[in-house]
Amino acid sequence: MSQKALATVALSCLFVLPAHADTLISDDLIVDGSHCVGQDCVSGEAFGFDTLRLKENNTRIRFDDTSSSGAFPNTDWELTANDSTNGGRNRFSISDVTNGREIFTVSAGAPDFSLFVTAAGNIGFGTDAAQKALHVVGLNSPSIRLEQDASGGFPAATWDIQANEDGLSIAYNGFLRLRLDNAGNLSLGGSVSASSIPASAVPDYVFRDDYRLMPLDELSKFVTDHRHLPEIPPAEAIARDGLNMTDMQLKLLRKIEELTLYTMQQQAQIDALQARLNDRDAR
């Protein structure tokens, strides 16, 4: 065999490698063009606008943090496209591999802008133009559910907030608890209580000895002149300024207590007159 033939055989042996042998590159790797990774990549791959393509029946990107010191974060993360099991989910997920948790998932077929964060930081559900910190858009009666499951040892509870062209409603475990219609009318499925009323605001002072009760003749003149009770705003003021329900309830309670005093005074006068009549009849 000639020297030229021997050289050719020797050179050929240098490039006889297993089809899937590992290749360690101990320097920066720069690919000028698109890159396909996976068992199903083919020669002449049509990349289109793809810069990096993962192509096989199990596509994953694992972020394997090798930090060993307790002072450095070392959680491993993974991007997953679709389940690996027959009949599994078509989905894209971000997983905390270290703790075995699927943190974020988007299912295939989700509508446009299912989750969109604007440049202002507003979050849109169903919209790419969120106008508030949270903006929910739906075809019919968009709603938000707040659910407490029983896994934490507390009773299960579900609150649903829903809105449409008729108004807004809040339901608890399927039972309507509040409804505000588009005309501003409010209906409640329970009672209303206020806990911020100071004790001094409750008009028990009406029954003190030093309380000045307006004489009935003055009250009669005031009502004749103004067409409403003292301290009670007239209809024009309520139409202009609105109505403070707590303030009005306390004022009405004050008027009821004053009415009680008037009734007690009148009863005392009636008793005195009755005593005089009885005394006259006894003569």
Protein backbone atom coordinates (compact mmCIF):
# COMPACT_ATOMS: atom_id res chain seq x y z
CA MET A 1 0.00 0.00 0.00
CA SER A 2 1.35 3.38 -0.94
CA GLN A 3 2.06 6.10 1.61
CA LYS A 4 -0.75 8.17 0.10
CA ALA A 5 -3.26 5.34 0.66
CA LEU A 6 -2.11 4.85 4.27
CA ALA A 7 -2.52 8.55 4.95
CA THR A 8 -6.03 8.45 3.54
CA VAL A 9 -7.05 5.50 5.76
CA ALA A 10 -5.54 7.11 8.86
CA LEU A 11 -7.32 10.39 8.20
CA SER A 12 -10.61 8.58 7.68
CA CYS A 13 -10.28 6.84 11.03
CA LEU A 14 -10.07 10.19 12.79
CA PHE A 15 -13.64 11.02 11.70
CA VAL A 16 -15.27 7.66 12.37
CA LEU A 17 -17.39 8.58 15.45
CA PRO A 18 -20.62 7.13 16.86
CA ALA A 19 -23.73 8.83 15.45
CA HIS A 20 -24.77 10.30 18.83
CA ALA A 21 -21.47 10.77 20.60
CA ASP A 22 -21.22 13.66 23.07
CA THR A 23 -19.24 16.66 21.93
CA LEU A 24 -17.72 18.95 24.55
CA ILE A 25 -16.87 22.43 23.35
CA SER A 26 -14.59 24.19 25.81
CA ASP A 27 -15.04 27.61 24.26
CA ASP A 28 -17.84 29.96 23.26
CA LEU A 29 -20.14 28.55 20.58
CA ILE A 30 -21.47 31.03 18.05
CA VAL A 31 -23.98 29.85 15.46
CA ASP A 32 -24.39 32.21 12.54
CA GLY A 33 -27.88 31.14 11.52
CA SER A 34 -30.80 29.21 12.95
CA HIS A 35 -30.33 26.22 15.21
CA CYS A 36 -32.42 23.04 15.48
CA VAL A 37 -32.06 20.73 18.48
CA GLY A 38 -33.76 17.36 18.80
CA GLN A 39 -33.99 13.90 17.33
CA ASP A 40 -36.35 14.94 14.55
CA CYS A 41 -34.26 17.76 13.07
CA VAL A 42 -33.50 17.12 9.40
CA SER A 43 -30.99 18.34 6.88
CA GLY A 44 -32.32 21.41 5.14
CA GLU A 45 -34.65 22.29 8.01
CA ALA A 46 -36.98 25.12 6.95
CA PHE A 47 -36.62 27.54 9.85
CA GLY A 48 -38.70 30.44 8.61
CA PHE A 49 -38.20 33.13 11.24
CA ASP A 50 -37.21 30.66 13.99
CA THR A 51 -33.80 31.30 15.52
CA LEU A 52 -33.87 28.28 17.84
CA ARG A 53 -36.09 25.25 17.33
CA LEU A 54 -36.61 22.24 19.59
CA LYS A 55 -37.93 19.35 17.51
CA GLU A 56 -38.88 15.94 18.88
CA ASN A 57 -41.72 14.26 20.79
CA ASN A 58 -40.55 15.56 24.20
CA THR A 59 -39.45 19.18 24.24
CA ARG A 60 -38.08 20.58 27.48
CA ILE A 61 -35.64 23.27 28.54
CA ARG A 62 -34.14 22.67 31.99
CA PHE A 63 -32.37 25.37 34.01
CA ASP A 64 -30.16 23.25 36.27
CA ASP A 65 -28.59 25.52 38.89
CA THR A 66 -25.45 23.93 40.31
CA SER A 67 -24.92 26.47 43.09
CA SER A 68 -23.89 24.61 46.23
CA SER A 69 -23.57 27.37 48.82
CA GLY A 70 -26.59 28.02 50.99
CA ALA A 71 -26.18 31.73 50.36
CA PHE A 72 -26.93 31.36 46.64
CA PRO A 73 -30.31 30.45 45.12
CA ASN A 74 -30.20 27.03 43.48
CA THR A 75 -33.75 26.13 42.48
CA ASP A 76 -34.00 24.27 39.16
CA TRP A 77 -36.63 25.38 36.63
CA GLU A 78 -38.06 23.87 33.48
CA LEU A 79 -40.00 25.01 30.43
CA THR A 80 -42.28 22.21 29.26
CA ALA A 81 -44.23 21.93 26.01
CA ASN A 82 -46.95 19.25 26.22
CA ASP A 83 -47.21 16.14 28.37
CA SER A 84 -45.18 13.05 27.57
CA THR A 85 -48.03 10.59 28.18
CA ASN A 86 -50.62 9.31 25.73
CA GLY A 87 -53.77 11.40 26.11
CA GLY A 88 -51.89 14.02 28.14
CA ARG A 89 -52.34 17.75 28.05
CA ASN A 90 -51.37 20.07 25.23
CA ARG A 91 -49.86 22.87 27.27
CA PHE A 92 -46.90 25.14 27.92
CA SER A 93 -45.68 25.26 31.51
CA ILE A 94 -43.08 26.78 33.79
CA SER A 95 -42.21 24.36 36.58
CA ASP A 96 -40.26 24.56 39.82
CA VAL A 97 -38.40 21.28 39.35
CA THR A 98 -36.70 21.34 42.75
CA ASN A 99 -40.00 21.52 44.63
CA GLY A 100 -42.03 19.56 42.08
CA ARG A 101 -44.53 22.34 41.36
CA GLU A 102 -46.17 23.43 38.13
CA ILE A 103 -46.21 27.20 38.63
CA PHE A 104 -47.65 28.51 35.38
CA THR A 105 -49.51 26.76 32.55
CA VAL A 106 -51.21 27.83 29.33
CA SER A 107 -53.42 25.22 27.66
CA ALA A 108 -53.51 24.84 23.89
CA GLY A 109 -56.51 26.55 22.31
CA ALA A 110 -56.65 29.35 24.88
CA PRO A 111 -58.20 32.48 23.31
CA ASP A 112 -56.24 35.53 22.24
CA PHE A 113 -54.81 37.64 25.07
CA SER A 114 -55.86 35.18 27.78
CA LEU A 115 -53.14 36.85 29.86
CA PHE A 116 -51.55 40.12 28.77
CA VAL A 117 -49.36 42.54 30.72
CA THR A 118 -49.22 46.05 29.27
CA ALA A 119 -46.23 48.39 29.33
CA ALA A 120 -47.92 50.17 32.27
CA GLY A 121 -48.04 46.93 34.25
CA ASN A 122 -51.80 46.47 33.87
CA ILE A 123 -52.95 42.86 33.57
CA GLY A 124 -55.52 42.00 30.94
CA PHE A 125 -57.60 38.82 30.87
CA GLY A 126 -59.05 38.61 27.37
CA THR A 127 -57.64 41.97 26.26
CA ASP A 128 -54.32 43.45 25.14
CA ALA A 129 -55.38 46.95 26.18
CA ALA A 130 -55.94 46.70 29.94
CA GLN A 131 -57.07 50.07 31.30
CA LYS A 132 -56.80 49.24 35.01
CA ALA A 133 -54.47 47.18 37.19
CA LEU A 134 -56.75 44.21 36.42
CA HIS A 135 -58.99 44.31 33.35
CA VAL A 136 -61.27 41.35 32.54
CA VAL A 137 -63.03 41.09 29.17
CA GLY A 138 -65.54 38.36 28.28
CA LEU A 139 -68.21 37.73 25.69
CA ASN A 140 -71.02 37.37 28.25
CA SER A 141 -71.04 38.40 31.92
CA PRO A 142 -67.30 38.40 32.71
CA SER A 143 -66.68 37.26 36.26
CA ILE A 144 -64.02 36.73 38.91
CA ARG A 145 -64.07 33.88 41.41
CA LEU A 146 -62.44 34.00 44.86
CA GLU A 147 -62.31 30.50 46.29
CA GLN A 148 -61.07 29.16 49.60
CA ASP A 149 -60.57 25.41 49.40
CA ALA A 150 -60.60 23.14 52.42
CA SER A 151 -56.95 22.10 52.13
CA GLY A 152 -55.78 24.63 54.71
CA GLY A 153 -58.16 23.43 57.41
CA PHE A 154 -60.72 26.18 56.82
CA PRO A 155 -64.24 25.61 55.43
CA ALA A 156 -64.59 25.77 51.65
CA ALA A 157 -66.05 29.08 50.44
CA THR A 158 -66.62 30.60 47.02
CA TRP A 159 -67.34 34.23 46.10
CA ASP A 160 -68.27 35.13 42.52
CA ILE A 161 -68.19 38.73 41.24
CA GLN A 162 -70.00 39.13 37.92
CA ALA A 163 -70.94 42.10 35.74
CA ASN A 164 -72.89 42.68 32.53
CA GLU A 165 -75.10 45.32 30.90
CA ASP A 166 -77.72 44.95 33.65
CA GLY A 167 -75.43 45.50 36.62
CA LEU A 168 -72.97 43.92 39.04
CA SER A 169 -73.61 41.04 41.42
CA ILE A 170 -71.76 39.22 44.19
CA ALA A 171 -72.70 35.66 45.13
CA TYR A 172 -71.54 33.45 47.99
CA ASN A 173 -71.55 29.69 47.37
CA GLY A 174 -74.05 30.27 44.57
CA PHE A 175 -76.43 32.47 46.59
CA LEU A 176 -76.86 36.11 45.53
CA ARG A 177 -75.70 38.44 48.29
CA LEU A 178 -75.47 41.84 46.57
CA ARG A 179 -76.71 43.33 43.33
CA LEU A 180 -76.15 46.83 41.93
CA ASP A 181 -78.12 47.51 38.75
CA ASN A 182 -77.13 49.97 36.03
CA ALA A 183 -79.54 52.56 37.43
CA GLY A 184 -77.67 52.63 40.75
CA ASN A 185 -80.25 50.62 42.69
CA LEU A 186 -78.73 48.40 45.36
CA SER A 187 -80.26 45.22 46.72
CA LEU A 188 -78.83 43.04 49.48
CA GLY A 189 -79.40 39.47 50.50
CA GLY A 190 -78.80 40.29 54.15
CA SER A 191 -78.62 43.14 56.65
CA VAL A 192 -76.43 46.26 56.72
CA SER A 193 -74.38 47.19 59.78
CA ALA A 194 -71.96 50.02 60.53
CA SER A 195 -69.18 49.57 63.06
CA SER A 196 -67.48 52.98 62.84
CA ILE A 197 -70.16 55.01 64.67
CA PRO A 198 -68.82 56.55 67.91
CA ALA A 199 -70.99 56.18 70.99
CA SER A 200 -71.19 59.97 71.30
CA ALA A 201 -73.05 60.11 67.98
CA VAL A 202 -75.99 58.08 69.31
CA PRO A 203 -78.58 60.66 70.50
CA ASP A 204 -79.16 59.31 74.02
CA TYR A 205 -78.42 62.86 75.15
CA VAL A 206 -82.02 63.71 74.20
CA PHE A 207 -83.15 62.14 77.49
CA ARG A 208 -80.81 64.19 79.66
CA ASP A 209 -82.36 66.75 81.99
CA ASP A 210 -80.43 69.61 80.39
CA TYR A 211 -81.54 68.82 76.82
CA ARG A 212 -83.54 71.66 75.28
CA LEU A 213 -86.59 70.25 73.56
CA MET A 214 -88.00 72.69 71.04
CA PRO A 215 -91.46 73.80 72.21
CA LEU A 216 -94.26 72.55 70.00
CA ASP A 217 -95.28 76.06 68.97
CA GLU A 218 -91.71 76.74 67.71
CA LEU A 219 -91.67 73.38 65.95
CA SER A 220 -94.99 74.14 64.31
CA LYS A 221 -93.72 77.49 63.04
CA PHE A 222 -90.47 75.94 61.73
CA VAL A 223 -92.35 73.23 59.81
CA THR A 224 -94.78 75.81 58.41
CA ASP A 225 -91.93 78.06 57.25
CA HIS A 226 -89.49 75.42 55.96
CA ARG A 227 -91.64 72.38 55.15
CA HIS A 228 -89.24 69.94 56.81
CA LEU A 229 -88.12 69.01 60.34
CA PRO A 230 -85.22 70.82 62.04
CA GLU A 231 -81.79 69.22 61.37
CA ILE A 232 -83.29 67.12 58.56
CA PRO A 233 -82.06 68.22 55.10
CA PRO A 234 -84.74 69.26 52.60
CA ALA A 235 -85.37 67.35 49.39
CA GLU A 236 -83.41 69.88 47.33
CA ALA A 237 -80.28 69.38 49.45
CA ILE A 238 -80.52 65.60 49.23
CA ALA A 239 -80.97 65.77 45.45
CA ARG A 240 -77.90 68.02 45.20
CA ASP A 241 -75.56 66.50 47.80
CA GLY A 242 -76.80 62.94 48.17
CA LEU A 243 -77.75 61.21 51.40
CA ASN A 244 -75.48 59.95 54.17
CA MET A 245 -77.45 56.95 55.40
CA THR A 246 -75.66 56.68 58.75
CA ASP A 247 -76.09 60.38 59.50
CA MET A 248 -79.74 60.27 58.45
CA GLN A 249 -80.48 57.22 60.60
CA LEU A 250 -79.01 58.94 63.66
CA LYS A 251 -80.98 62.11 62.98
CA LEU A 252 -84.19 60.13 62.57
CA LEU A 253 -83.44 58.33 65.85
CA ARG A 254 -83.04 61.74 67.49
CA LYS A 255 -86.42 62.83 66.13
CA ILE A 256 -88.04 59.63 67.40
CA GLU A 257 -86.60 60.25 70.86
CA GLU A 258 -87.83 63.87 70.75
CA LEU A 259 -91.24 62.59 69.66
CA THR A 260 -91.18 60.27 72.67
CA LEU A 261 -90.57 63.27 74.94
CA TYR A 262 -93.42 65.20 73.30
CA THR A 263 -95.70 62.20 73.80
CA MET A 264 -94.67 61.88 77.44
CA GLN A 265 -95.33 65.61 77.99
CA GLN A 266 -98.72 65.33 76.35
CA GLN A 267 -99.54 62.24 78.40
CA ALA A 268 -98.64 64.14 81.58
CA GLN A 269 -100.98 66.95 80.50
CA ILE A 270 -103.72 64.42 79.72
CA ASP A 271 -103.28 62.79 83.12
CA ALA A 272 -103.47 66.19 84.84
CA LEU A 273 -106.63 67.12 82.94
CA GLN A 274 -108.15 63.72 83.68
CA ALA A 275 -107.40 64.18 87.37
CA ARG A 276 -109.10 67.59 87.34
CA LEU A 277 -112.13 66.11 85.60
CA ASN A 278 -112.30 63.27 88.08
CA ASP A 279 -112.01 65.74 90.96
CA ARG A 280 -114.80 67.90 89.52
CA ASP A 281 -117.06 64.90 88.95
CA ALA A 282 -116.49 63.77 92.53
CA ARG A 283 -117.94 67.04 93.93
